[in-house]
Amino acid sequence: MVQSPEELQKLSQENIENAMKSFGTLSKSAQAIAVEVADYSKSSFEQGTAALEKLLGAKTLEQAVEIQQAYLKSAYEGAVAQATKIGELYTELAKEAYKPFETAFGKIGR
């Protein structure tokens, strides 16, 4: 419990500092996630375009089916890997954003 104006001022200053640290972490993590999504989107588009070019060059129906199956498998595996990576980035974001507040929450429990 806050007992003096000085303690209240110190607590307020700590909370502001913690909020700024957390905001910095959120900003950096959001940028990393945005870059990751943009890179994946570009790569996915390029792979789709390459698969379409191969598909248009297919001589037989069997060859076209093989090209399409290979592309779908590759696209699915890439999407799962990307979802896992983005999930890990969000988990790390949550952990890092919480860190500045750990000590403050510990003080409340006392």
C-alpha atoms as a PDB file:
ATOM      1  CA  MET A   1       0.000   0.000   0.000  1.00  0.00           C
ATOM      2  CA  VAL A   2       1.233   3.503  -0.833  1.00  0.00           C
ATOM      3  CA  GLN A   3       1.945   5.433   2.344  1.00  0.00           C
ATOM      4  CA  SER A   4       3.324   8.768   1.159  1.00  0.00           C
ATOM      5  CA  PRO A   5       3.181  11.096  -1.844  1.00  0.00           C
ATOM      6  CA  GLU A   6       6.822  10.218  -2.605  1.00  0.00           C
ATOM      7  CA  GLU A   7       5.981   6.512  -2.792  1.00  0.00           C
ATOM      8  CA  LEU A   8       3.032   7.277  -5.048  1.00  0.00           C
ATOM      9  CA  GLN A   9       5.243   9.369  -7.319  1.00  0.00           C
ATOM     10  CA  LYS A  10       7.886   6.620  -7.438  1.00  0.00           C
ATOM     11  CA  LEU A  11       5.237   3.986  -8.210  1.00  0.00           C
ATOM     12  CA  SER A  12       3.763   6.162 -10.959  1.00  0.00           C
ATOM     13  CA  GLN A  13       7.187   6.706 -12.499  1.00  0.00           C
ATOM     14  CA  GLU A  14       7.901   2.958 -12.435  1.00  0.00           C
ATOM     15  CA  ASN A  15       4.568   2.247 -14.114  1.00  0.00           C
ATOM     16  CA  ILE A  16       5.281   4.785 -16.851  1.00  0.00           C
ATOM     17  CA  GLU A  17       8.732   3.299 -17.447  1.00  0.00           C
ATOM     18  CA  ASN A  18       7.278  -0.214 -17.569  1.00  0.00           C
ATOM     19  CA  ALA A  19       4.607   0.882 -20.024  1.00  0.00           C
ATOM     20  CA  MET A  20       7.212   2.517 -22.274  1.00  0.00           C
ATOM     21  CA  LYS A  21       9.393  -0.613 -22.222  1.00  0.00           C
ATOM     22  CA  SER A  22       6.390  -2.757 -23.038  1.00  0.00           C
ATOM     23  CA  PHE A  23       5.347  -0.419 -25.858  1.00  0.00           C
ATOM     24  CA  GLY A  24       8.857  -0.573 -27.310  1.00  0.00           C
ATOM     25  CA  THR A  25       8.735  -4.350 -27.245  1.00  0.00           C
ATOM     26  CA  LEU A  26       5.299  -4.374 -28.878  1.00  0.00           C
ATOM     27  CA  SER A  27       6.494  -2.039 -31.609  1.00  0.00           C
ATOM     28  CA  LYS A  28       9.613  -4.081 -32.412  1.00  0.00           C
ATOM     29  CA  SER A  29       7.710  -7.358 -32.361  1.00  0.00           C
ATOM     30  CA  ALA A  30       4.914  -6.004 -34.544  1.00  0.00           C
ATOM     31  CA  GLN A  31       7.505  -4.882 -37.077  1.00  0.00           C
ATOM     32  CA  ALA A  32       9.163  -8.307 -37.036  1.00  0.00           C
ATOM     33  CA  ILE A  33       5.811 -10.011 -37.546  1.00  0.00           C
ATOM     34  CA  ALA A  34       4.885  -7.645 -40.390  1.00  0.00           C
ATOM     35  CA  VAL A  35       8.231  -8.273 -42.117  1.00  0.00           C
ATOM     36  CA  GLU A  36       7.765 -12.016 -41.727  1.00  0.00           C
ATOM     37  CA  VAL A  37       4.263 -11.916 -43.202  1.00  0.00           C
ATOM     38  CA  ALA A  38       5.381  -9.715 -46.099  1.00  0.00           C
ATOM     39  CA  ASP A  39       8.313 -12.023 -46.873  1.00  0.00           C
ATOM     40  CA  TYR A  40       6.065 -15.072 -46.790  1.00  0.00           C
ATOM     41  CA  SER A  41       3.485 -13.380 -49.023  1.00  0.00           C
ATOM     42  CA  LYS A  42       6.143 -12.498 -51.591  1.00  0.00           C
ATOM     43  CA  SER A  43       7.616 -15.994 -51.505  1.00  0.00           C
ATOM     44  CA  SER A  44       4.196 -17.597 -51.755  1.00  0.00           C
ATOM     45  CA  PHE A  45       3.279 -15.444 -54.743  1.00  0.00           C
ATOM     46  CA  GLU A  46       6.542 -16.298 -56.494  1.00  0.00           C
ATOM     47  CA  GLN A  47       6.029 -20.024 -55.894  1.00  0.00           C
ATOM     48  CA  GLY A  48       2.456 -19.815 -57.179  1.00  0.00           C
ATOM     49  CA  THR A  49       3.576 -17.984 -60.296  1.00  0.00           C
ATOM     50  CA  ALA A  50       6.316 -20.540 -60.951  1.00  0.00           C
ATOM     51  CA  ALA A  51       3.836 -23.392 -60.496  1.00  0.00           C
ATOM     52  CA  LEU A  52       1.389 -21.758 -62.892  1.00  0.00           C
ATOM     53  CA  GLU A  53       4.117 -21.374 -65.522  1.00  0.00           C
ATOM     54  CA  LYS A  54       5.017 -25.055 -65.160  1.00  0.00           C
ATOM     55  CA  LEU A  55       1.353 -25.994 -65.330  1.00  0.00           C
ATOM     56  CA  LEU A  56       0.858 -24.031 -68.533  1.00  0.00           C
ATOM     57  CA  GLY A  57       3.864 -25.832 -70.024  1.00  0.00           C
ATOM     58  CA  ALA A  58       2.594 -29.300 -69.134  1.00  0.00           C
ATOM     59  CA  LYS A  59       2.316 -31.634 -72.144  1.00  0.00           C
ATOM     60  CA  THR A  60      -0.029 -34.198 -70.615  1.00  0.00           C
ATOM     61  CA  LEU A  61      -2.828 -34.313 -68.082  1.00  0.00           C
ATOM     62  CA  GLU A  62      -0.744 -36.565 -65.834  1.00  0.00           C
ATOM     63  CA  GLN A  63       2.114 -34.071 -65.890  1.00  0.00           C
ATOM     64  CA  ALA A  64      -0.288 -31.232 -65.015  1.00  0.00           C
ATOM     65  CA  VAL A  65      -1.696 -33.230 -62.093  1.00  0.00           C
ATOM     66  CA  GLU A  66       1.819 -33.968 -60.803  1.00  0.00           C
ATOM     67  CA  ILE A  67       2.784 -30.292 -61.002  1.00  0.00           C
ATOM     68  CA  GLN A  68      -0.383 -29.261 -59.203  1.00  0.00           C
ATOM     69  CA  GLN A  69       0.048 -31.886 -56.471  1.00  0.00           C
ATOM     70  CA  ALA A  70       3.657 -30.891 -55.887  1.00  0.00           C
ATOM     71  CA  TYR A  71       2.657 -27.240 -55.636  1.00  0.00           C
ATOM     72  CA  LEU A  72      -0.209 -27.948 -53.241  1.00  0.00           C
ATOM     73  CA  LYS A  73       2.024 -30.052 -51.015  1.00  0.00           C
ATOM     74  CA  SER A  74       4.720 -27.392 -50.988  1.00  0.00           C
ATOM     75  CA  ALA A  75       2.195 -24.597 -50.353  1.00  0.00           C
ATOM     76  CA  TYR A  76       0.584 -26.519 -47.492  1.00  0.00           C
ATOM     77  CA  GLU A  77       3.918 -27.287 -45.831  1.00  0.00           C
ATOM     78  CA  GLY A  78       4.977 -23.663 -46.220  1.00  0.00           C
ATOM     79  CA  ALA A  79       1.723 -22.398 -44.712  1.00  0.00           C
ATOM     80  CA  VAL A  80       2.026 -24.713 -41.713  1.00  0.00           C
ATOM     81  CA  ALA A  81       5.650 -23.698 -41.149  1.00  0.00           C
ATOM     82  CA  GLN A  82       4.734 -20.026 -41.451  1.00  0.00           C
ATOM     83  CA  ALA A  83       1.811 -20.367 -39.031  1.00  0.00           C
ATOM     84  CA  THR A  84       4.127 -22.037 -36.526  1.00  0.00           C
ATOM     85  CA  LYS A  85       6.708 -19.299 -36.911  1.00  0.00           C
ATOM     86  CA  ILE A  86       4.132 -16.514 -36.518  1.00  0.00           C
ATOM     87  CA  GLY A  87       2.722 -18.287 -33.464  1.00  0.00           C
ATOM     88  CA  GLU A  88       6.183 -18.377 -31.922  1.00  0.00           C
ATOM     89  CA  LEU A  89       6.665 -14.677 -32.651  1.00  0.00           C
ATOM     90  CA  TYR A  90       3.358 -13.837 -30.938  1.00  0.00           C
ATOM     91  CA  THR A  91       4.273 -16.010 -27.940  1.00  0.00           C
ATOM     92  CA  GLU A  92       7.605 -14.241 -27.628  1.00  0.00           C
ATOM     93  CA  LEU A  93       5.837 -10.901 -27.991  1.00  0.00           C
ATOM     94  CA  ALA A  94       3.538 -11.709 -25.083  1.00  0.00           C
ATOM     95  CA  LYS A  95       6.421 -12.839 -22.880  1.00  0.00           C
ATOM     96  CA  GLU A  96       8.548  -9.788 -23.649  1.00  0.00           C
ATOM     97  CA  ALA A  97       5.662  -7.352 -23.232  1.00  0.00           C
ATOM     98  CA  TYR A  98       4.885  -8.815 -19.796  1.00  0.00           C
ATOM     99  CA  LYS A  99       8.475  -8.724 -18.482  1.00  0.00           C
ATOM    100  CA  PRO A 100       8.517  -5.051 -17.430  1.00  0.00           C
ATOM    101  CA  PHE A 101       5.404  -5.615 -15.336  1.00  0.00           C
ATOM    102  CA  GLU A 102       6.557  -8.798 -13.551  1.00  0.00           C
ATOM    103  CA  THR A 103       8.119  -6.964 -10.635  1.00  0.00           C
ATOM    104  CA  ALA A 104       5.162  -4.569 -10.342  1.00  0.00           C
ATOM    105  CA  PHE A 105       2.714  -7.463 -10.158  1.00  0.00           C
ATOM    106  CA  GLY A 106       4.988  -9.164  -7.632  1.00  0.00           C
ATOM    107  CA  LYS A 107       4.790  -6.116  -5.368  1.00  0.00           C
ATOM    108  CA  ILE A 108       0.997  -6.159  -5.457  1.00  0.00           C
ATOM    109  CA  GLY A 109       0.885  -9.729  -4.185  1.00  0.00           C
ATOM    110  CA  ARG A 110       2.851  -8.814  -1.066  1.00  0.00           C
END
